[in-house]
Structures are given as C-alpha cells and as structure tokens.
Protein backbone atom coordinates (compact mmCIF):
# COMPACT_ATOMS: atom_id res chain seq x y z
CA MET A 1 -127.79 17.32 -172.78
CA ILE A 2 -129.26 20.82 -172.66
CA ILE A 3 -127.78 24.09 -171.44
CA LEU A 4 -130.34 26.21 -169.60
CA SER A 5 -129.87 29.95 -169.48
CA TYR A 6 -131.70 32.34 -167.21
CA PRO A 7 -131.51 35.99 -166.18
CA SER A 8 -129.98 36.31 -162.74
CA GLU A 9 -132.55 38.74 -161.37
CA TRP A 10 -135.69 39.08 -163.47
CA PRO A 11 -137.54 36.98 -166.07
CA TYR A 12 -137.90 38.20 -169.61
CA CYS A 13 -140.09 36.98 -172.42
CA SER A 14 -138.92 35.95 -175.87
CA ASP A 15 -139.85 36.11 -179.50
CA GLU A 16 -138.96 32.56 -180.52
CA ASP A 17 -135.18 32.27 -179.92
CA LYS A 18 -134.56 36.00 -179.41
CA VAL A 19 -134.43 36.38 -175.63
CA ILE A 20 -133.83 39.69 -173.87
CA LYS A 21 -131.25 38.66 -171.27
CA SER A 22 -129.22 40.23 -168.46
CA GLN A 23 -126.26 38.69 -166.66
CA ILE A 24 -126.89 35.20 -168.02
CA THR A 25 -125.92 32.11 -166.07
CA LYS A 26 -125.76 28.68 -167.74
CA LEU A 27 -126.09 25.19 -166.28
CA LYS A 28 -125.97 21.80 -168.02
CA TYR A 29 -128.65 19.13 -167.54
CA GLU A 30 -129.53 15.75 -169.02
CA VAL A 31 -133.00 15.52 -170.55
CA ASN A 32 -134.72 12.38 -169.31
CA ARG A 33 -138.18 12.69 -170.86
CA ASP A 34 -140.50 14.87 -172.94
CA CYS A 35 -143.23 17.13 -171.60
CA ILE A 36 -146.52 18.37 -173.05
CA VAL A 37 -147.80 21.60 -171.55
CA ALA A 38 -151.49 22.31 -172.15
CA VAL A 39 -152.33 26.01 -172.31
CA ILE A 40 -156.04 26.57 -171.79
CA ASP A 41 -156.55 30.17 -172.85
CA GLY A 42 -157.12 32.15 -176.05
CA CYS A 43 -155.69 31.74 -179.54
CA VAL A 44 -151.91 31.67 -179.83
CA LYS A 45 -149.12 32.69 -182.14
CA GLN A 46 -147.74 29.87 -184.28
CA GLU A 47 -144.32 28.94 -182.90
CA LYS A 48 -141.81 26.10 -183.14
CA SER A 49 -142.79 24.87 -179.68
CA ILE A 50 -146.40 24.08 -180.65
CA TRP A 51 -147.47 20.47 -180.16
CA LYS A 52 -148.30 18.32 -183.19
CA ASN A 53 -150.81 15.48 -183.25
CA LYS A 54 -148.93 12.75 -185.12
CA LYS A 55 -152.11 10.71 -185.55
CA GLU A 56 -154.01 13.47 -187.37
CA ARG A 57 -153.70 15.31 -190.67
CA ILE A 58 -155.63 18.07 -192.44
CA ASP A 59 -158.05 16.16 -194.65
CA GLY A 60 -161.51 16.69 -193.18
CA ILE A 61 -161.42 13.28 -191.49
CA ASP A 62 -161.13 12.39 -187.81
CA ASN A 63 -158.09 10.17 -188.37
CA ASP A 64 -157.39 9.41 -184.71
CA LYS A 65 -161.14 8.97 -184.00
CA ASN A 66 -161.07 11.22 -180.91
CA GLY A 67 -164.12 13.23 -181.95
CA TYR A 68 -162.12 16.23 -183.23
CA ILE A 69 -161.58 16.60 -186.99
CA ASP A 70 -158.15 17.82 -188.16
CA ASP A 71 -156.93 18.63 -184.63
CA VAL A 72 -153.30 18.69 -185.69
CA ASN A 73 -152.23 21.39 -183.21
CA GLY A 74 -154.94 21.32 -180.56
CA TRP A 75 -158.55 22.51 -180.54
CA ASN A 76 -160.61 25.68 -180.34
CA PHE A 77 -163.47 24.83 -177.97
CA ASN A 78 -164.92 28.32 -178.33
CA THR A 79 -165.58 27.91 -182.07
CA ASN A 80 -165.51 24.08 -182.15
CA THR A 81 -162.83 24.13 -184.85
CA ASN A 82 -159.12 23.36 -185.21
CA ASP A 83 -158.37 27.10 -185.55
CA VAL A 84 -156.02 27.81 -182.62
CA PHE A 85 -153.69 30.35 -184.22
CA THR A 86 -153.75 34.13 -184.50
CA LYS A 87 -151.40 36.84 -185.72
CA GLN A 88 -152.79 39.28 -183.17
CA GLN A 89 -151.28 40.19 -179.81
CA VAL A 90 -153.74 38.38 -177.56
CA HIS A 91 -153.66 36.82 -174.09
CA GLY A 92 -152.97 33.25 -175.29
CA SER A 93 -149.97 34.35 -177.36
CA GLN A 94 -148.59 36.31 -174.42
CA ILE A 95 -148.90 33.26 -172.16
CA ILE A 96 -147.00 30.85 -174.42
CA THR A 97 -144.34 33.46 -175.11
CA CYS A 98 -143.77 33.82 -171.36
CA ILE A 99 -143.58 30.02 -171.02
CA ASN A 100 -141.14 29.81 -173.92
CA SER A 101 -138.93 32.48 -172.38
CA VAL A 102 -138.19 29.96 -169.64
CA CYS A 103 -138.14 26.75 -171.64
CA THR A 104 -137.63 27.00 -175.41
CA ILE A 105 -136.50 23.36 -175.52
CA ASN A 106 -137.40 20.76 -178.17
CA ASN A 107 -138.50 18.30 -175.51
CA ILE A 108 -141.24 20.66 -174.26
CA LYS A 109 -144.27 21.18 -176.48
CA ILE A 110 -147.16 23.60 -176.00
CA LEU A 111 -150.65 22.20 -176.60
CA PRO A 112 -152.97 25.17 -177.29
CA LEU A 113 -156.57 24.66 -176.18
CA VAL A 114 -158.71 27.71 -176.88
CA VAL A 115 -161.61 28.53 -174.56
CA LEU A 116 -161.65 32.34 -174.80
CA ASN A 117 -163.21 34.46 -177.53
CA ASN A 118 -161.71 37.70 -178.86
CA LYS A 119 -163.10 39.52 -175.81
CA ASN A 120 -161.36 37.11 -173.41
CA LYS A 121 -164.67 35.57 -172.37
CA GLY A 122 -165.42 31.85 -172.11
CA ASN A 123 -167.42 29.24 -170.23
CA ILE A 124 -166.72 26.46 -167.74
CA ARG A 125 -167.98 23.71 -170.03
CA ASP A 126 -165.27 24.49 -172.57
CA ILE A 127 -162.59 24.50 -169.85
CA ILE A 128 -163.72 21.06 -168.69
CA ASN A 129 -163.68 19.73 -172.26
CA ALA A 130 -160.23 21.22 -172.79
CA ILE A 131 -158.88 19.52 -169.65
CA THR A 132 -160.30 16.20 -170.81
CA TYR A 133 -158.71 16.67 -174.24
CA ALA A 134 -155.33 17.50 -172.67
CA GLU A 135 -155.53 14.33 -170.57
CA THR A 136 -156.20 12.14 -173.61
CA GLN A 137 -153.19 13.67 -175.40
CA GLY A 138 -150.89 12.89 -172.47
CA ALA A 139 -150.21 16.40 -171.16
CA GLN A 140 -148.34 16.50 -167.85
CA ILE A 141 -148.76 20.19 -166.98
CA CYS A 142 -151.67 22.56 -167.57
CA ASN A 143 -151.43 26.34 -167.49
CA LEU A 144 -154.72 27.93 -166.47
CA SER A 145 -154.28 31.68 -166.48
CA VAL A 146 -158.07 32.02 -166.71
CA GLY A 147 -160.51 31.81 -163.85
CA THR A 148 -163.97 32.48 -162.49
CA ALA A 149 -165.62 33.69 -159.29
CA VAL A 150 -168.37 31.10 -159.77
CA TYR A 151 -168.02 27.72 -158.05
CA ASP A 152 -168.64 24.70 -160.26
CA ASP A 153 -168.39 21.18 -158.84
CA ARG A 154 -167.91 19.69 -162.32
CA LEU A 155 -164.78 21.78 -162.83
CA GLN A 156 -163.51 20.95 -159.36
CA ASN A 157 -163.95 17.21 -159.90
CA CYS A 158 -162.41 17.37 -163.37
CA ILE A 159 -159.26 19.03 -162.01
CA LYS A 160 -159.17 16.91 -158.84
CA HIS A 161 -159.18 13.62 -160.75
CA SER A 162 -156.68 14.75 -163.40
CA LYS A 163 -153.11 13.47 -163.45
CA MET A 164 -151.80 16.85 -164.60
CA LEU A 165 -150.24 19.57 -162.47
CA PHE A 166 -152.36 22.72 -162.86
CA VAL A 167 -150.53 26.04 -162.60
CA VAL A 168 -153.20 28.69 -162.06
CA ALA A 169 -153.24 32.47 -161.77
CA ALA A 170 -154.32 33.89 -158.40
CA GLY A 171 -156.30 36.70 -160.09
CA ASN A 172 -155.87 40.45 -160.42
CA PHE A 173 -158.36 41.96 -157.98
CA GLY A 174 -156.10 42.65 -154.99
CA LEU A 175 -158.27 40.39 -152.83
CA ASN A 176 -157.40 38.32 -149.78
CA LEU A 177 -158.84 34.97 -150.87
CA ASP A 178 -158.76 33.73 -147.27
CA LYS A 179 -161.66 36.03 -146.44
CA LYS A 180 -165.26 34.86 -146.54
CA ASN A 181 -166.97 35.33 -149.92
CA ASN A 182 -163.69 36.15 -151.69
CA PHE A 183 -163.36 33.37 -154.26
CA TRP A 184 -161.36 32.83 -157.42
CA PHE A 185 -161.46 29.39 -159.00
CA PRO A 186 -159.56 27.13 -159.58
CA VAL A 187 -157.42 28.75 -156.83
CA SER A 188 -160.13 28.46 -154.18
CA PHE A 189 -160.58 24.72 -154.82
CA ASN A 190 -157.37 24.22 -152.79
CA LEU A 191 -156.46 20.96 -154.54
CA GLU A 192 -153.29 18.88 -154.20
CA ASN A 193 -152.50 18.99 -157.92
CA VAL A 194 -152.99 22.76 -158.25
CA ILE A 195 -150.28 25.34 -157.62
CA SER A 196 -151.72 28.86 -157.42
CA VAL A 197 -149.50 31.84 -158.19
CA ALA A 198 -149.61 35.47 -157.02
CA SER A 199 -147.52 38.29 -158.52
CA ILE A 200 -144.52 40.13 -157.11
CA ASN A 201 -142.59 43.13 -158.43
CA LYS A 202 -138.86 43.70 -158.85
CA LYS A 203 -138.56 44.49 -155.15
CA ASN A 204 -139.94 41.03 -154.38
CA GLU A 205 -143.06 42.62 -152.90
CA LEU A 206 -146.62 41.52 -153.58
CA CYS A 207 -148.09 43.51 -156.46
CA SER A 208 -151.01 45.75 -155.49
CA PHE A 209 -153.26 44.12 -158.11
CA SER A 210 -152.52 40.53 -157.09
CA ASN A 211 -154.89 38.32 -155.12
CA TYR A 212 -153.22 36.62 -152.16
CA GLY A 213 -153.95 34.47 -149.10
CA LYS A 214 -151.93 32.56 -146.52
CA LYS A 215 -154.45 29.71 -146.65
CA THR A 216 -155.39 29.74 -150.32
CA VAL A 217 -152.59 30.98 -152.61
CA ASP A 218 -149.51 28.75 -152.78
CA VAL A 219 -146.66 30.92 -153.96
CA ALA A 220 -145.64 34.10 -155.76
CA ALA A 221 -143.60 34.77 -158.90
CA PRO A 222 -142.57 37.80 -160.97
CA GLY A 223 -145.57 39.41 -162.63
CA GLU A 224 -145.07 43.15 -162.97
CA ASP A 225 -143.43 45.05 -165.84
CA LEU A 226 -142.33 41.93 -167.70
CA LYS A 227 -140.75 42.60 -171.06
CA TYR A 228 -142.59 40.81 -173.85
CA CYS A 229 -141.56 40.76 -177.49
CA PHE A 230 -144.24 40.19 -180.14
CA ASN A 231 -143.32 40.35 -183.82
CA GLY A 232 -140.20 42.33 -183.00
CA LYS A 233 -141.95 44.90 -180.78
CA THR A 234 -141.31 45.00 -177.03
CA GLN A 235 -144.35 45.28 -174.77
CA ILE A 236 -144.62 45.56 -170.98
CA LEU A 237 -146.95 43.09 -169.27
CA SER A 238 -148.25 42.75 -165.72
CA GLY A 239 -150.62 40.25 -164.14
CA THR A 240 -150.87 36.95 -162.31
CA SER A 241 -151.50 35.27 -165.67
CA PHE A 242 -147.85 35.79 -166.52
CA SER A 243 -146.66 34.79 -163.06
CA ALA A 244 -148.44 31.47 -163.60
CA ALA A 245 -146.91 31.12 -167.08
CA TYR A 246 -143.45 31.72 -165.60
CA ILE A 247 -143.98 28.91 -163.07
CA THR A 248 -145.40 26.67 -165.80
CA GLY A 249 -142.16 27.01 -167.75
CA ILE A 250 -140.07 26.22 -164.68
CA ALA A 251 -142.25 23.20 -163.86
CA ALA A 252 -141.81 21.85 -167.39
CA VAL A 253 -138.02 22.16 -167.16
CA ILE A 254 -137.95 20.37 -163.79
CA TYR A 255 -140.18 17.61 -165.19
CA ILE A 256 -137.90 16.80 -168.15
CA VAL A 257 -134.55 16.97 -166.30
CA SER A 258 -135.45 15.32 -162.96
CA ASP A 259 -133.89 11.88 -162.42
CA THR A 260 -137.28 10.26 -161.75
CA LYS A 261 -140.61 10.93 -163.41
CA LEU A 262 -142.51 13.21 -161.06
CA HIS A 263 -146.25 12.93 -160.42
CA SER A 264 -148.22 16.19 -160.25
CA TYR A 265 -148.15 16.40 -156.44
CA GLU A 266 -144.41 15.56 -156.38
CA LEU A 267 -143.65 18.27 -158.92
CA LYS A 268 -145.65 20.76 -156.86
CA LYS A 269 -143.87 19.67 -153.69
CA TYR A 270 -140.46 20.12 -155.31
CA LEU A 271 -141.29 23.59 -156.64
CA LEU A 272 -142.52 24.72 -153.23
CA SER A 273 -139.36 23.37 -151.60
CA THR A 274 -137.22 25.82 -153.58
CA ILE A 275 -138.93 29.07 -152.63
CA VAL A 276 -137.18 32.21 -151.49
CA LYS A 277 -138.79 33.28 -148.21
CA SER A 278 -140.11 36.82 -147.76
CA ASP A 279 -142.25 38.32 -145.00
CA LYS A 280 -143.64 40.77 -147.57
CA ILE A 281 -145.60 38.08 -149.40
CA ASN A 282 -148.86 36.78 -147.91
CA VAL A 283 -149.08 33.32 -149.44
CA LYS A 284 -149.04 29.75 -148.05
CA SER A 285 -145.36 29.11 -148.73
CA GLY A 286 -144.32 32.52 -147.47
CA GLY A 287 -142.24 33.31 -150.51
CA PHE A 288 -141.64 33.29 -154.26
CA ILE A 289 -140.14 30.93 -156.82
CA SER A 290 -136.92 31.98 -158.54
CA PHE A 291 -135.85 30.14 -161.70
CA LYS A 292 -132.23 30.67 -160.76
CA LYS A 293 -132.60 29.15 -157.28
CA THR A 294 -134.83 26.31 -158.49
CA LEU A 295 -132.31 25.19 -161.09
CA LYS A 296 -129.37 25.60 -158.73
CA ASP A 297 -131.15 23.53 -156.04
CA LEU A 298 -131.83 20.82 -158.60
CA LYS A 299 -128.19 20.82 -159.67
CA ASP A 300 -127.01 20.65 -156.07
CA LYS A 301 -129.23 17.64 -155.38
CA LYS A 302 -127.89 15.64 -158.33
C-alpha cells in the first residue's frame, strides 16, 4: 500500500524527500508491480531512486556479459563509461528531480542513460544505443526530453519496435509542428508508443515557447515557472523537457498501481483518457494532463 500526495493546483519538484507542497491531497493505492524508468539525457544527481544493476559490480569486469563494464547504475554513452553522476545542476538532474517530485516511490527506479555532453549536445547513435540498453534492462517507460530536427529512420525504427512507452518533449521553439517543414523528432514520428508533451502555464494556456500541433503533439502539461530544489536551493524552471518529465512520473505511478499490467499503447491510451479539455491548447487531445485528475479517475474506476 502506498499513499500518493500531490499539489492540488500546480506541480512542484523535490530534493529527495523534501517536497514543496500546497494544499496536499492524499489517496491510497495498492502497488501491483515495479517500474523502471529510463531517462535518456545528461548526467544526473545521485539519488535513492537510481536503478541498480544487481548482476554487476565495480571490479573492472563485465559480470553480466552485456558489453558494458561496471554498469552498476546505467551507462554514459557520450564518454563510453559507467560515469552517470554529477554534482552540478545540469539538465539530466533537473529531469529526474521533476520525475521524483511526482513519484518518489521505492517501486519506481530511474535508469540514467547519458547521451549529452556538458554542453547539452549529443548524437542519434548514442540515443539508439541507450534505447537498446534500456530494453535489455527491462525498462517500461522512457523519458526523452532531448530531440532533433533531423529525421533518422534508424531512430524511428528503434522507437517503433520498442516495448517501452516514450514520453517526449514537444520542443521549445514555439512552432506549429503540423506545418510543412516544421519537424521535431521523436515527436514528428507520430508513433503509437510515443506520447508527446507541450507546455502550459498556471493559467492552463499554452506557453509561448512551446511547440504544438493538433495533428502532431499529443497533450500538454505544466512546464512554466516550476519550482526546483537542488542541494537546498530553489530554482525556477521552464520548458517542455519538464512537462515531459512530469508526465513520465505520472505514467510510472499509473503503471505500478493499475490492476492489470499495461502495455505501452494501453498506458498512453489511459493517460489521454484523463485529460482536462481546454480550447486554449492546440494539441491532438485538446487538453492537458493533471496528476490530481488522473489519480482520482483511477481511484474512481477501481
């Protein structure tokens, strides 16, 4: 049994168990399974929620014979090492902190897969290798708050044939992705196992920086002026990266507490069935996902 707490109006990010909360509501749920969430991004802060490879240990030997030596907590595909941690405030740390603000639960583990360097640059080959690694480790959900304007059929096929649900950021260029020559991948792949996320503000309006599209972007979520606590210091974050991380956390919670084990397309379908409609948001679903409403709908269906 777990008790889930959430802010009634706006999501906040946490520093481990210290969550900035407002008007908290609590609901009780049975946990029916574990969940591994792959985060393909930059280096991350070391937290209790980080996944551990039980078949590997630090000894310079590839104990589990998967081709990656000492990959006890994931892999850095940018440097080809097991170094996935940082003490700096970087994009990867911000992403997992936003995810943890929704679901700091022992049954949900974050698998960090680093593809970005310290300038937040990376390449498609590393993303593909990271997806393959996540699959072999049994991840059910993948947060991809990184993207590219360049089409790559290898990346499309890798995502398309994966069993994971991919939660991806719509991008921060203020573009209508329905228009010709406006692309942002993986969003523009338009795949069944991908849920693409735009950003809204506290007025539940689309953020000016957020990409959107009634044919291409699935849904919206909070992504402006989010409070983020890193090493005791509160920061303010905005961007579709954090909207995607918010939905990733919600998806992980739904996965572990649902009565039946949901496949990627079923999990996506459920999330989209709980949206709050708004004519101010130009996305496929015509609305945004609220943690409060999603959990309440799940409770009502039980």
